[in-house]
C-alpha atoms as a PDB file:
ATOM      1  CA  MET A   1       0.000   0.000   0.000  1.00  0.00           C
ATOM      2  CA  GLY A   2       1.451   3.394  -0.957  1.00  0.00           C
ATOM      3  CA  LEU A   3       1.869   6.162   1.538  1.00  0.00           C
ATOM      4  CA  ALA A   4      -0.851   8.312   0.015  1.00  0.00           C
ATOM      5  CA  ALA A   5      -3.327   5.516   0.698  1.00  0.00           C
ATOM      6  CA  THR A   6      -3.485   6.534   4.341  1.00  0.00           C
ATOM      7  CA  ALA A   7      -5.691   9.525   3.478  1.00  0.00           C
ATOM      8  CA  ALA A   8      -9.170   9.062   2.041  1.00  0.00           C
ATOM      9  CA  PRO A   9      -9.215   8.695  -1.770  1.00  0.00           C
ATOM     10  CA  GLY A  10      -8.873  12.077  -3.454  1.00  0.00           C
ATOM     11  CA  ARG A  11      -7.811  13.803  -0.247  1.00  0.00           C
ATOM     12  CA  THR A  12      -4.300  15.120   0.229  1.00  0.00           C
ATOM     13  CA  PRO A  13      -2.669  13.782   3.407  1.00  0.00           C
ATOM     14  CA  SER A  14      -2.646  16.407   6.152  1.00  0.00           C
ATOM     15  CA  LEU A  15      -2.050  16.990   9.838  1.00  0.00           C
ATOM     16  CA  GLU A  16      -5.744  17.791  10.333  1.00  0.00           C
ATOM     17  CA  PRO A  17      -6.784  14.387  11.765  1.00  0.00           C
ATOM     18  CA  LEU A  18      -3.925  14.523  14.277  1.00  0.00           C
ATOM     19  CA  THR A  19      -4.638  18.160  15.172  1.00  0.00           C
ATOM     20  CA  ARG A  20      -8.313  17.315  15.715  1.00  0.00           C
ATOM     21  CA  LEU A  21      -7.567  14.347  17.993  1.00  0.00           C
ATOM     22  CA  VAL A  22      -4.999  16.152  20.173  1.00  0.00           C
ATOM     23  CA  GLY A  23      -6.509  19.640  19.818  1.00  0.00           C
ATOM     24  CA  ASP A  24      -7.686  20.068  23.414  1.00  0.00           C
ATOM     25  CA  ASP A  25      -4.338  18.941  24.810  1.00  0.00           C
ATOM     26  CA  LEU A  26      -2.492  21.120  22.292  1.00  0.00           C
ATOM     27  CA  ALA A  27      -4.405  24.194  23.522  1.00  0.00           C
ATOM     28  CA  ARG A  28      -3.196  23.375  27.041  1.00  0.00           C
ATOM     29  CA  VAL A  29       0.365  22.970  25.726  1.00  0.00           C
ATOM     30  CA  ASN A  30       0.204  26.380  24.055  1.00  0.00           C
ATOM     31  CA  GLN A  31      -0.997  27.929  27.322  1.00  0.00           C
ATOM     32  CA  ARG A  32       1.841  26.216  29.192  1.00  0.00           C
ATOM     33  CA  ILE A  33       4.314  27.638  26.664  1.00  0.00           C
ATOM     34  CA  VAL A  34       2.968  31.167  27.140  1.00  0.00           C
ATOM     35  CA  ASP A  35       3.052  30.804  30.947  1.00  0.00           C
ATOM     36  CA  HIS A  36       6.654  29.592  30.994  1.00  0.00           C
ATOM     37  CA  MET A  37       7.936  32.225  28.567  1.00  0.00           C
ATOM     38  CA  HIS A  38       7.150  34.856  31.179  1.00  0.00           C
ATOM     39  CA  SER A  39      10.095  36.737  32.687  1.00  0.00           C
ATOM     40  CA  PRO A  40      10.545  40.111  34.394  1.00  0.00           C
ATOM     41  CA  VAL A  41      13.277  40.751  31.789  1.00  0.00           C
ATOM     42  CA  ALA A  42      10.992  42.116  29.070  1.00  0.00           C
ATOM     43  CA  LEU A  43      13.237  41.180  26.130  1.00  0.00           C
ATOM     44  CA  ILE A  44      12.881  37.466  26.933  1.00  0.00           C
ATOM     45  CA  PRO A  45       9.109  37.038  26.382  1.00  0.00           C
ATOM     46  CA  GLN A  46       9.305  39.577  23.561  1.00  0.00           C
ATOM     47  CA  LEU A  47      11.959  37.676  21.601  1.00  0.00           C
ATOM     48  CA  ALA A  48      10.708  34.190  22.532  1.00  0.00           C
ATOM     49  CA  GLY A  49       7.151  35.208  21.653  1.00  0.00           C
ATOM     50  CA  HIS A  50       8.356  36.408  18.244  1.00  0.00           C
ATOM     51  CA  ILE A  51       9.649  32.986  17.200  1.00  0.00           C
ATOM     52  CA  VAL A  52       6.766  31.080  18.804  1.00  0.00           C
ATOM     53  CA  ALA A  53       4.244  33.351  17.073  1.00  0.00           C
ATOM     54  CA  ALA A  54       6.058  32.858  13.747  1.00  0.00           C
ATOM     55  CA  GLY A  55       4.054  29.670  13.533  1.00  0.00           C
ATOM     56  CA  GLY A  56       5.202  26.238  12.641  1.00  0.00           C
ATOM     57  CA  LYS A  57       3.084  23.148  12.808  1.00  0.00           C
ATOM     58  CA  ARG A  58       3.811  22.238  16.473  1.00  0.00           C
ATOM     59  CA  LEU A  59       4.504  18.781  15.039  1.00  0.00           C
ATOM     60  CA  ARG A  60       6.956  17.652  17.722  1.00  0.00           C
ATOM     61  CA  PRO A  61       4.736  18.405  20.747  1.00  0.00           C
ATOM     62  CA  MET A  62       1.769  16.930  18.855  1.00  0.00           C
ATOM     63  CA  LEU A  63       3.757  13.701  18.497  1.00  0.00           C
ATOM     64  CA  THR A  64       4.213  13.582  22.287  1.00  0.00           C
ATOM     65  CA  LEU A  65       0.488  14.081  22.822  1.00  0.00           C
ATOM     66  CA  ALA A  66      -0.385  11.512  20.151  1.00  0.00           C
ATOM     67  CA  ALA A  67       2.047   8.885  21.454  1.00  0.00           C
ATOM     68  CA  ALA A  68       0.565   9.252  24.953  1.00  0.00           C
ATOM     69  CA  GLN A  69      -2.956   8.858  23.537  1.00  0.00           C
ATOM     70  CA  LEU A  70      -1.897   5.864  21.430  1.00  0.00           C
ATOM     71  CA  CYS A  71      -0.615   4.180  24.608  1.00  0.00           C
ATOM     72  CA  GLY A  72      -3.814   4.867  26.549  1.00  0.00           C
ATOM     73  CA  TYR A  73      -2.380   7.470  28.927  1.00  0.00           C
ATOM     74  CA  ARG A  74      -5.034   9.148  31.093  1.00  0.00           C
ATOM     75  CA  GLY A  75      -3.049  11.686  33.162  1.00  0.00           C
ATOM     76  CA  ASP A  76      -1.765  15.153  32.263  1.00  0.00           C
ATOM     77  CA  ARG A  77       2.045  14.841  32.500  1.00  0.00           C
ATOM     78  CA  HIS A  78       2.248  14.704  28.693  1.00  0.00           C
ATOM     79  CA  VAL A  79       1.035  18.335  28.440  1.00  0.00           C
ATOM     80  CA  ALA A  80       4.003  19.864  30.283  1.00  0.00           C
ATOM     81  CA  LEU A  81       6.405  17.465  28.562  1.00  0.00           C
ATOM     82  CA  ALA A  82       5.043  18.397  25.119  1.00  0.00           C
ATOM     83  CA  ALA A  83       5.682  22.050  26.045  1.00  0.00           C
ATOM     84  CA  CYS A  84       9.175  21.010  27.088  1.00  0.00           C
ATOM     85  CA  VAL A  85       9.750  19.422  23.649  1.00  0.00           C
ATOM     86  CA  GLU A  86       8.616  22.635  21.940  1.00  0.00           C
ATOM     87  CA  PHE A  87      10.935  24.737  24.127  1.00  0.00           C
ATOM     88  CA  ILE A  88      13.894  22.562  23.118  1.00  0.00           C
ATOM     89  CA  HIS A  89      12.881  22.856  19.464  1.00  0.00           C
ATOM     90  CA  THR A  90      12.450  26.643  19.679  1.00  0.00           C
ATOM     91  CA  ALA A  91      15.801  27.060  21.449  1.00  0.00           C
ATOM     92  CA  THR A  92      17.544  25.120  18.678  1.00  0.00           C
ATOM     93  CA  LEU A  93      15.823  27.287  16.030  1.00  0.00           C
ATOM     94  CA  LEU A  94      17.124  30.452  17.719  1.00  0.00           C
ATOM     95  CA  HIS A  95      20.646  29.039  17.808  1.00  0.00           C
ATOM     96  CA  ASP A  96      20.353  27.675  14.238  1.00  0.00           C
ATOM     97  CA  ASP A  97      19.438  31.065  12.811  1.00  0.00           C
ATOM     98  CA  VAL A  98      22.484  32.640  14.468  1.00  0.00           C
ATOM     99  CA  VAL A  99      24.830  29.924  13.165  1.00  0.00           C
ATOM    100  CA  ASP A 100      23.294  30.092   9.667  1.00  0.00           C
ATOM    101  CA  GLU A 101      23.184  33.924   9.732  1.00  0.00           C
ATOM    102  CA  SER A 102      19.545  33.651   8.590  1.00  0.00           C
ATOM    103  CA  ASP A 103      17.423  36.754   8.135  1.00  0.00           C
ATOM    104  CA  LEU A 104      14.099  35.028   7.461  1.00  0.00           C
ATOM    105  CA  ARG A 105      12.250  32.027   8.901  1.00  0.00           C
ATOM    106  CA  ARG A 106       8.877  31.079   7.363  1.00  0.00           C
ATOM    107  CA  GLY A 107       8.878  34.452   5.600  1.00  0.00           C
ATOM    108  CA  ILE A 108       9.233  36.431   8.846  1.00  0.00           C
ATOM    109  CA  ALA A 109      12.356  38.238  10.073  1.00  0.00           C
ATOM    110  CA  THR A 110      14.376  35.986  12.391  1.00  0.00           C
ATOM    111  CA  ALA A 111      14.912  36.994  16.009  1.00  0.00           C
ATOM    112  CA  ASN A 112      18.625  37.532  15.351  1.00  0.00           C
ATOM    113  CA  ALA A 113      17.783  39.850  12.438  1.00  0.00           C
ATOM    114  CA  VAL A 114      15.543  41.920  14.753  1.00  0.00           C
ATOM    115  CA  TRP A 115      17.367  41.806  18.112  1.00  0.00           C
ATOM    116  CA  GLY A 116      20.868  40.628  17.165  1.00  0.00           C
ATOM    117  CA  ASN A 117      22.848  37.428  17.688  1.00  0.00           C
ATOM    118  CA  LYS A 118      23.705  37.915  21.360  1.00  0.00           C
ATOM    119  CA  ALA A 119      20.082  38.291  22.467  1.00  0.00           C
ATOM    120  CA  SER A 120      19.011  35.292  20.329  1.00  0.00           C
ATOM    121  CA  VAL A 121      21.659  32.993  21.800  1.00  0.00           C
ATOM    122  CA  LEU A 122      20.865  34.044  25.365  1.00  0.00           C
ATOM    123  CA  VAL A 123      17.089  33.673  24.969  1.00  0.00           C
ATOM    124  CA  GLY A 124      17.707  30.273  23.377  1.00  0.00           C
ATOM    125  CA  ASP A 125      19.633  29.379  26.541  1.00  0.00           C
ATOM    126  CA  PHE A 126      16.693  30.641  28.634  1.00  0.00           C
ATOM    127  CA  LEU A 127      14.288  28.379  26.733  1.00  0.00           C
ATOM    128  CA  PHE A 128      16.583  25.367  27.230  1.00  0.00           C
ATOM    129  CA  SER A 129      16.597  26.186  30.946  1.00  0.00           C
ATOM    130  CA  ARG A 130      12.795  26.410  31.014  1.00  0.00           C
ATOM    131  CA  ALA A 131      12.652  23.007  29.305  1.00  0.00           C
ATOM    132  CA  PHE A 132      14.840  21.513  32.038  1.00  0.00           C
ATOM    133  CA  GLN A 133      12.706  23.113  34.744  1.00  0.00           C
ATOM    134  CA  LEU A 134       9.658  21.388  33.239  1.00  0.00           C
ATOM    135  CA  MET A 135      11.527  18.063  33.141  1.00  0.00           C
ATOM    136  CA  VAL A 136      12.541  18.380  36.788  1.00  0.00           C
ATOM    137  CA  ALA A 137       8.978  19.317  37.789  1.00  0.00           C
ATOM    138  CA  ASP A 138       7.764  16.132  36.088  1.00  0.00           C
ATOM    139  CA  GLY A 139       9.927  14.181  38.532  1.00  0.00           C
ATOM    140  CA  SER A 140      10.810  11.231  36.293  1.00  0.00           C
ATOM    141  CA  LEU A 141      14.500  10.408  35.917  1.00  0.00           C
ATOM    142  CA  GLU A 142      13.659   8.406  32.781  1.00  0.00           C
ATOM    143  CA  VAL A 143      11.988  11.419  31.137  1.00  0.00           C
ATOM    144  CA  LEU A 144      14.954  13.572  32.189  1.00  0.00           C
ATOM    145  CA  ARG A 145      17.308  11.010  30.648  1.00  0.00           C
ATOM    146  CA  ILE A 146      15.400  10.916  27.344  1.00  0.00           C
ATOM    147  CA  LEU A 147      15.180  14.688  26.877  1.00  0.00           C
ATOM    148  CA  SER A 148      18.635  15.591  28.209  1.00  0.00           C
ATOM    149  CA  HIS A 149      20.144  12.942  25.913  1.00  0.00           C
ATOM    150  CA  ALA A 150      18.198  14.378  22.969  1.00  0.00           C
ATOM    151  CA  SER A 151      19.429  17.904  23.791  1.00  0.00           C
ATOM    152  CA  ALA A 152      23.050  16.725  23.852  1.00  0.00           C
ATOM    153  CA  VAL A 153      22.715  14.802  20.579  1.00  0.00           C
ATOM    154  CA  ILE A 154      21.067  17.789  18.860  1.00  0.00           C
ATOM    155  CA  ALA A 155      24.007  19.982  19.900  1.00  0.00           C
ATOM    156  CA  GLU A 156      26.434  17.351  18.570  1.00  0.00           C
ATOM    157  CA  GLY A 157      24.551  17.352  15.276  1.00  0.00           C
ATOM    158  CA  GLU A 158      24.799  21.141  15.067  1.00  0.00           C
ATOM    159  CA  VAL A 159      28.553  21.017  15.625  1.00  0.00           C
ATOM    160  CA  LEU A 160      28.984  18.172  13.102  1.00  0.00           C
ATOM    161  CA  GLN A 161      27.067  20.219  10.529  1.00  0.00           C
ATOM    162  CA  LEU A 162      29.287  23.191  11.300  1.00  0.00           C
ATOM    163  CA  VAL A 163      32.518  21.237  10.716  1.00  0.00           C
ATOM    164  CA  THR A 164      31.195  19.657   7.499  1.00  0.00           C
ATOM    165  CA  ALA A 165      29.732  22.924   6.129  1.00  0.00           C
ATOM    166  CA  ASN A 166      30.875  23.751   2.590  1.00  0.00           C
ATOM    167  CA  ASP A 167      32.837  20.475   2.380  1.00  0.00           C
ATOM    168  CA  THR A 168      31.996  18.623  -0.843  1.00  0.00           C
ATOM    169  CA  ALA A 169      33.924  15.592   0.454  1.00  0.00           C
ATOM    170  CA  THR A 170      31.165  15.022   3.030  1.00  0.00           C
ATOM    171  CA  SER A 171      30.012  11.393   2.838  1.00  0.00           C
ATOM    172  CA  GLU A 172      26.436  10.196   2.751  1.00  0.00           C
ATOM    173  CA  ALA A 173      27.008   8.517   6.126  1.00  0.00           C
ATOM    174  CA  THR A 174      28.140  11.825   7.684  1.00  0.00           C
ATOM    175  CA  TYR A 175      25.176  13.679   6.180  1.00  0.00           C
ATOM    176  CA  LEU A 176      22.778  11.086   7.621  1.00  0.00           C
ATOM    177  CA  GLU A 177      24.466  11.369  11.009  1.00  0.00           C
ATOM    178  CA  VAL A 178      23.898  15.146  10.933  1.00  0.00           C
ATOM    179  CA  ILE A 179      20.178  14.884  10.208  1.00  0.00           C
ATOM    180  CA  ARG A 180      19.696  11.912  12.531  1.00  0.00           C
ATOM    181  CA  SER A 181      21.189  14.014  15.347  1.00  0.00           C
ATOM    182  CA  LYS A 182      20.034  17.505  14.450  1.00  0.00           C
ATOM    183  CA  THR A 183      16.437  16.785  13.402  1.00  0.00           C
ATOM    184  CA  ALA A 184      15.349  13.198  13.990  1.00  0.00           C
ATOM    185  CA  GLN A 185      16.566  12.868  17.587  1.00  0.00           C
ATOM    186  CA  LEU A 186      13.949  15.285  18.926  1.00  0.00           C
ATOM    187  CA  PHE A 187      11.200  13.516  16.934  1.00  0.00           C
ATOM    188  CA  ALA A 188      12.368  10.248  18.521  1.00  0.00           C
ATOM    189  CA  ALA A 189      12.429  11.677  22.066  1.00  0.00           C
ATOM    190  CA  ALA A 190       9.033  13.352  21.600  1.00  0.00           C
ATOM    191  CA  CYS A 191       7.522   9.994  20.621  1.00  0.00           C
ATOM    192  CA  ARG A 192       9.232   7.918  23.328  1.00  0.00           C
ATOM    193  CA  ILE A 193       7.851  10.094  26.135  1.00  0.00           C
ATOM    194  CA  GLY A 194       4.256   8.945  25.423  1.00  0.00           C
ATOM    195  CA  PRO A 195       4.714   5.245  26.257  1.00  0.00           C
ATOM    196  CA  VAL A 196       7.051   6.139  29.145  1.00  0.00           C
ATOM    197  CA  VAL A 197       4.488   8.311  30.953  1.00  0.00           C
ATOM    198  CA  ALA A 198       1.836   5.668  30.170  1.00  0.00           C
ATOM    199  CA  ASP A 199       4.103   3.092  31.852  1.00  0.00           C
ATOM    200  CA  ARG A 200       3.992   0.815  28.818  1.00  0.00           C
ATOM    201  CA  PRO A 201       6.497  -2.009  28.142  1.00  0.00           C
ATOM    202  CA  ALA A 202       9.976  -1.103  26.835  1.00  0.00           C
ATOM    203  CA  GLU A 203       9.118  -2.685  23.459  1.00  0.00           C
ATOM    204  CA  GLU A 204       6.400  -0.072  22.895  1.00  0.00           C
ATOM    205  CA  ALA A 205       8.699   2.787  23.944  1.00  0.00           C
ATOM    206  CA  ASP A 206      11.370   1.438  21.564  1.00  0.00           C
ATOM    207  CA  ALA A 207       8.837   1.165  18.725  1.00  0.00           C
ATOM    208  CA  MET A 208       7.642   4.766  19.185  1.00  0.00           C
ATOM    209  CA  GLU A 209      11.217   6.027  19.415  1.00  0.00           C
ATOM    210  CA  ALA A 210      12.064   4.207  16.158  1.00  0.00           C
ATOM    211  CA  PHE A 211       8.892   5.650  14.586  1.00  0.00           C
ATOM    212  CA  GLY A 212       9.977   9.177  15.544  1.00  0.00           C
ATOM    213  CA  LEU A 213      13.548   8.678  14.347  1.00  0.00           C
ATOM    214  CA  ASP A 214      12.508   7.344  10.923  1.00  0.00           C
ATOM    215  CA  LEU A 215       9.825  10.034  10.563  1.00  0.00           C
ATOM    216  CA  GLY A 216      12.337  12.760  11.459  1.00  0.00           C
ATOM    217  CA  ILE A 217      14.859  11.520   8.882  1.00  0.00           C
ATOM    218  CA  ALA A 218      12.153  11.332   6.206  1.00  0.00           C
ATOM    219  CA  PHE A 219      10.957  14.833   7.138  1.00  0.00           C
ATOM    220  CA  GLN A 220      14.467  16.312   6.751  1.00  0.00           C
ATOM    221  CA  LEU A 221      15.203  14.447   3.505  1.00  0.00           C
ATOM    222  CA  VAL A 222      12.048  15.961   1.972  1.00  0.00           C
ATOM    223  CA  ASP A 223      13.061  19.430   3.234  1.00  0.00           C
ATOM    224  CA  ASP A 224      16.502  19.048   1.658  1.00  0.00           C
ATOM    225  CA  MET A 225      14.998  17.947  -1.647  1.00  0.00           C
ATOM    226  CA  LEU A 226      12.461  20.783  -1.623  1.00  0.00           C
ATOM    227  CA  ASP A 227      15.177  23.418  -1.362  1.00  0.00           C
ATOM    228  CA  TYR A 228      16.013  22.750  -5.032  1.00  0.00           C
ATOM    229  CA  SER A 229      12.483  22.032  -6.233  1.00  0.00           C
ATOM    230  CA  ALA A 230       9.887  24.125  -8.052  1.00  0.00           C
ATOM    231  CA  ARG A 231       7.476  22.733  -5.431  1.00  0.00           C
ATOM    232  CA  GLN A 232       9.218  24.936  -2.867  1.00  0.00           C
ATOM    233  CA  ALA A 233       8.173  28.071  -4.764  1.00  0.00           C
ATOM    234  CA  GLU A 234       4.581  26.762  -4.863  1.00  0.00           C
ATOM    235  CA  LEU A 235       4.718  26.482  -1.069  1.00  0.00           C
ATOM    236  CA  GLY A 236       5.659  30.171  -0.897  1.00  0.00           C
ATOM    237  CA  LYS A 237       9.234  29.536   0.217  1.00  0.00           C
ATOM    238  CA  THR A 238      12.539  30.649  -1.243  1.00  0.00           C
ATOM    239  CA  VAL A 239      14.280  28.130  -3.488  1.00  0.00           C
ATOM    240  CA  GLY A 240      18.021  27.604  -3.086  1.00  0.00           C
ATOM    241  CA  ASP A 241      18.678  28.769   0.481  1.00  0.00           C
ATOM    242  CA  ASP A 242      20.817  25.682   1.169  1.00  0.00           C
ATOM    243  CA  PHE A 243      22.724  26.277  -2.058  1.00  0.00           C
ATOM    244  CA  ARG A 244      23.447  29.912  -1.200  1.00  0.00           C
ATOM    245  CA  ASP A 245      24.621  28.863   2.286  1.00  0.00           C
ATOM    246  CA  GLY A 246      26.819  26.102   0.877  1.00  0.00           C
ATOM    247  CA  LYS A 247      24.985  23.419   2.910  1.00  0.00           C
ATOM    248  CA  ILE A 248      25.974  19.919   1.890  1.00  0.00           C
ATOM    249  CA  THR A 249      22.728  17.948   1.772  1.00  0.00           C
ATOM    250  CA  LEU A 250      21.982  14.535   0.243  1.00  0.00           C
ATOM    251  CA  PRO A 251      21.103  15.861  -3.257  1.00  0.00           C
ATOM    252  CA  ILE A 252      24.542  17.540  -3.417  1.00  0.00           C
ATOM    253  CA  VAL A 253      26.348  14.463  -2.029  1.00  0.00           C
ATOM    254  CA  LEU A 254      24.720  12.272  -4.710  1.00  0.00           C
ATOM    255  CA  ALA A 255      25.303  14.697  -7.615  1.00  0.00           C
ATOM    256  CA  PHE A 256      28.926  15.315  -6.576  1.00  0.00           C
ATOM    257  CA  ALA A 257      29.657  11.580  -6.401  1.00  0.00           C
ATOM    258  CA  ARG A 258      28.136  10.981  -9.854  1.00  0.00           C
ATOM    259  CA  GLY A 259      29.534  14.058 -11.594  1.00  0.00           C
ATOM    260  CA  ASP A 260      32.547  14.390 -13.883  1.00  0.00           C
ATOM    261  CA  GLU A 261      35.544  16.536 -12.972  1.00  0.00           C
ATOM    262  CA  ALA A 262      34.053  19.699 -14.523  1.00  0.00           C
ATOM    263  CA  GLU A 263      30.866  19.241 -12.497  1.00  0.00           C
ATOM    264  CA  ARG A 264      32.820  18.621  -9.308  1.00  0.00           C
ATOM    265  CA  ALA A 265      34.763  21.808  -9.956  1.00  0.00           C
ATOM    266  CA  PHE A 266      31.410  23.626 -10.208  1.00  0.00           C
ATOM    267  CA  TRP A 267      30.322  22.259  -6.819  1.00  0.00           C
ATOM    268  CA  ARG A 268      33.664  23.138  -5.213  1.00  0.00           C
ATOM    269  CA  ARG A 269      33.491  26.705  -6.556  1.00  0.00           C
ATOM    270  CA  THR A 270      29.875  27.309  -5.525  1.00  0.00           C
ATOM    271  CA  MET A 271      29.673  25.328  -2.283  1.00  0.00           C
ATOM    272  CA  GLU A 272      33.210  25.397  -0.865  1.00  0.00           C
ATOM    273  CA  ASP A 273      34.529  28.722  -2.181  1.00  0.00           C
ATOM    274  CA  GLN A 274      31.054  30.311  -2.081  1.00  0.00           C
ATOM    275  CA  GLU A 275      31.702  31.960  -5.449  1.00  0.00           C
ATOM    276  CA  GLN A 276      28.223  32.066  -6.955  1.00  0.00           C
ATOM    277  CA  GLY A 277      26.924  33.894 -10.002  1.00  0.00           C
ATOM    278  CA  PRO A 278      23.317  34.662 -10.961  1.00  0.00           C
ATOM    279  CA  ASP A 279      22.967  31.521 -13.126  1.00  0.00           C
ATOM    280  CA  ASP A 280      24.593  29.067 -10.746  1.00  0.00           C
ATOM    281  CA  LEU A 281      21.426  27.979  -8.912  1.00  0.00           C
ATOM    282  CA  ALA A 282      19.805  27.029 -12.236  1.00  0.00           C
ATOM    283  CA  GLU A 283      22.985  25.126 -13.164  1.00  0.00           C
ATOM    284  CA  ALA A 284      22.931  23.327  -9.805  1.00  0.00           C
ATOM    285  CA  GLN A 285      19.289  22.335 -10.331  1.00  0.00           C
ATOM    286  CA  ALA A 286      20.125  21.050 -13.832  1.00  0.00           C
ATOM    287  CA  LEU A 287      22.963  18.897 -12.476  1.00  0.00           C
ATOM    288  CA  LEU A 288      20.725  17.511  -9.723  1.00  0.00           C
ATOM    289  CA  ARG A 289      18.115  16.577 -12.355  1.00  0.00           C
ATOM    290  CA  LYS A 290      20.772  15.068 -14.636  1.00  0.00           C
ATOM    291  CA  HIS A 291      21.937  12.681 -11.919  1.00  0.00           C
ATOM    292  CA  GLY A 292      18.479  11.917 -10.489  1.00  0.00           C
ATOM    293  CA  ALA A 293      19.572  13.295  -7.099  1.00  0.00           C
ATOM    294  CA  LEU A 294      16.219  14.823  -6.140  1.00  0.00           C
ATOM    295  CA  GLU A 295      14.240  11.717  -7.120  1.00  0.00           C
ATOM    296  CA  GLU A 296      16.635   9.492  -5.192  1.00  0.00           C
ATOM    297  CA  THR A 297      16.437  11.726  -2.119  1.00  0.00           C
ATOM    298  CA  MET A 298      12.640  11.389  -2.240  1.00  0.00           C
ATOM    299  CA  GLU A 299      12.936   7.630  -2.640  1.00  0.00           C
ATOM    300  CA  ARG A 300      15.098   7.474   0.498  1.00  0.00           C
ATOM    301  CA  ALA A 301      12.490   9.582   2.317  1.00  0.00           C
ATOM    302  CA  ARG A 302       9.781   7.124   1.236  1.00  0.00           C
ATOM    303  CA  ARG A 303      11.798   4.202   2.585  1.00  0.00           C
ATOM    304  CA  TYR A 304      12.244   5.854   5.966  1.00  0.00           C
ATOM    305  CA  GLY A 305       8.534   6.695   5.932  1.00  0.00           C
ATOM    306  CA  GLU A 306       7.615   3.068   5.326  1.00  0.00           C
ATOM    307  CA  ALA A 307       9.916   2.009   8.172  1.00  0.00           C
ATOM    308  CA  ALA A 308       8.143   4.491  10.471  1.00  0.00           C
ATOM    309  CA  ARG A 309       4.740   3.109   9.477  1.00  0.00           C
ATOM    310  CA  GLY A 310       5.971  -0.416  10.188  1.00  0.00           C
ATOM    311  CA  GLN A 311       6.552   0.566  13.820  1.00  0.00           C
ATOM    312  CA  LEU A 312       2.942   1.748  14.154  1.00  0.00           C
ATOM    313  CA  ALA A 313       1.724  -1.709  13.127  1.00  0.00           C
ATOM    314  CA  ARG A 314       2.762  -2.915  16.619  1.00  0.00           C
ATOM    315  CA  PHE A 315      -0.132  -0.930  18.129  1.00  0.00           C
ATOM    316  CA  PRO A 316      -3.867  -1.773  17.961  1.00  0.00           C
ATOM    317  CA  ALA A 317      -5.903  -0.067  15.239  1.00  0.00           C
ATOM    318  CA  SER A 318      -7.387   3.230  16.405  1.00  0.00           C
ATOM    319  CA  PRO A 319      -8.137   6.732  15.111  1.00  0.00           C
ATOM    320  CA  ILE A 320      -4.923   8.083  16.679  1.00  0.00           C
ATOM    321  CA  ARG A 321      -2.846   5.354  15.003  1.00  0.00           C
ATOM    322  CA  ASP A 322      -4.464   6.246  11.662  1.00  0.00           C
ATOM    323  CA  ALA A 323      -3.697   9.929  12.290  1.00  0.00           C
ATOM    324  CA  LEU A 324      -0.026   9.149  13.007  1.00  0.00           C
ATOM    325  CA  ASP A 325       0.064   7.020   9.855  1.00  0.00           C
ATOM    326  CA  GLU A 326      -1.232  10.027   7.946  1.00  0.00           C
ATOM    327  CA  VAL A 327       1.458  12.250   9.478  1.00  0.00           C
ATOM    328  CA  VAL A 328       4.013  10.082   7.663  1.00  0.00           C
ATOM    329  CA  ALA A 329       2.060  10.417   4.422  1.00  0.00           C
ATOM    330  CA  PHE A 330       1.817  14.190   4.947  1.00  0.00           C
ATOM    331  CA  CYS A 331       5.587  14.526   5.434  1.00  0.00           C
ATOM    332  CA  ILE A 332       6.281  12.622   2.205  1.00  0.00           C
ATOM    333  CA  ALA A 333       3.492  14.305   0.224  1.00  0.00           C
ATOM    334  CA  ARG A 334       5.118  17.719   0.753  1.00  0.00           C
ATOM    335  CA  GLY A 335       7.608  16.649  -1.903  1.00  0.00           C
ATOM    336  CA  PHE A 336       5.008  16.314  -4.657  1.00  0.00           C
END
């Protein structure tokens, strides 16, 4: 069965079923986020509120809420822990934008573009600290272990991306390690928390963690493909940001490995030396098409998506399981 089959015939896969099923809990999460962004230092809620208000799908905290529901949890610990997951995510976004020297996120000026790098880094630190306060208040050493481990791995992924930036010799294995750490690890932690708070067997916690990890990798692979795709423009986003930044993503790794010496010289000039002319993005897109790099990146994303769906099969059929299944389909469908 193809991924698109998880949505009703003729309907594009979406997050709507998941949002509907966890909507009440998500409203409580959003309130918890607002409450814990408060500080007598006015710049902190101002800057933190800017990035939180910039939107985003709240996918990671929704996964925590959904995993808890899937495992039959009846308490309310998952609400604060979902807020904790979103604080970690938001802190990493603030730090990411400083490292990447980004001026825009989702079409809105980044916090560092408005308030400067120093304020963004420090408020990111504040949000990490708030996340740890929420973990401590939960009182579970296992939850603290899961989320503190995820935070450390995310930071390792950021540093690994930094040291491999603009390096066309980056291997596929190194690229996958970056996205597994930087993106997928928080998906995995967000999903594992649900069965842990529900006190389910380790096998279920492992299955949800594997689901989150595979989903996170698929999600990032699609993002990396979209950066060079006409589909990106249809979504109202800028095409070629990764190219302009010299980010080595899977499409580049594949095209570089398959290219002749003249093509490799092009990639070294544009990605390593950052010498780019007005026609170079179009040339890069042509080379990616020539070597089937975008199609292959999508195929890898599909495979990770199927692996994620396989983990869900361990759980009894239910509306929330169907909604999580559709989340996978939604993540893949963004590429078409």
